[in-house]
Protein backbone atom coordinates (compact mmCIF):
# COMPACT_ATOMS: atom_id res chain seq x y z
CA MET A 1 0.52 -0.11 0.08
CA ASP A 2 1.61 3.22 -1.12
CA ILE A 3 1.11 7.19 -0.22
CA ASN A 4 -1.57 7.01 -2.88
CA THR A 5 -3.84 4.54 -1.93
CA LEU A 6 -3.82 6.66 1.59
CA ARG A 7 -4.81 9.74 0.76
CA GLY A 8 -7.19 8.08 -1.73
CA LEU A 9 -8.81 6.61 0.81
CA ALA A 10 -8.85 9.36 3.20
CA THR A 11 -10.67 11.45 0.24
CA VAL A 12 -12.98 8.76 0.54
CA PHE A 13 -13.45 9.32 3.52
CA ALA A 14 -13.91 12.99 4.74
CA MET A 15 -16.44 12.74 1.03
CA ILE A 16 -18.37 10.20 3.42
CA ALA A 17 -18.29 12.31 6.47
CA PHE A 18 -18.95 15.46 4.10
CA ILE A 19 -21.69 14.16 3.02
CA GLY A 20 -23.21 12.42 6.53
CA VAL A 21 -22.90 16.05 8.34
CA CYS A 22 -25.04 17.40 5.51
CA LEU A 23 -27.41 14.53 5.87
CA TRP A 24 -27.91 14.98 9.73
CA ALA A 25 -28.06 18.41 9.64
CA TYR A 26 -31.00 19.14 6.95
CA SER A 27 -32.92 16.48 8.50
CA SER A 28 -36.48 17.32 8.68
CA ARG A 29 -35.97 15.55 12.42
CA ARG A 30 -33.41 18.25 13.75
CA LYS A 31 -35.51 21.20 11.89
CA THR A 32 -38.00 22.08 14.86
CA GLY A 33 -34.53 21.80 17.26
CA PHE A 34 -32.28 23.90 14.95
CA ASP A 35 -35.42 26.75 14.52
CA GLU A 36 -35.40 26.77 18.88
CA ALA A 37 -32.06 27.08 18.69
CA ALA A 38 -31.92 29.82 16.03
CA ASN A 39 -34.99 31.88 17.92
CA LEU A 40 -32.65 31.81 21.23
CA PRO A 41 -31.17 35.62 20.53
CA PHE A 42 -34.40 36.74 20.13
CA ALA A 43 -35.56 35.46 23.86
CA ASP A 44 -36.84 37.72 26.45
CA ASP A 45 -34.64 37.57 29.12
CA ILE A 46 -36.73 36.98 32.47
CA ASN A 47 -33.47 37.38 34.87
CA ASP A 48 -34.52 40.61 35.49
CA ASP A 49 -32.17 41.33 38.75
CA ASP A 50 -32.81 44.86 39.63
């Protein structure tokens, strides 16, 4: 096994990992959690200790 075979395997592994992350991020099961996280900066702060 030479260096070019290792580079090819690393490229294939990276591509599979990238596709996996994309599928996870755009999964419809994750939409509600991501929508809630996206709206967190706009949530009111209820801890007013004035």
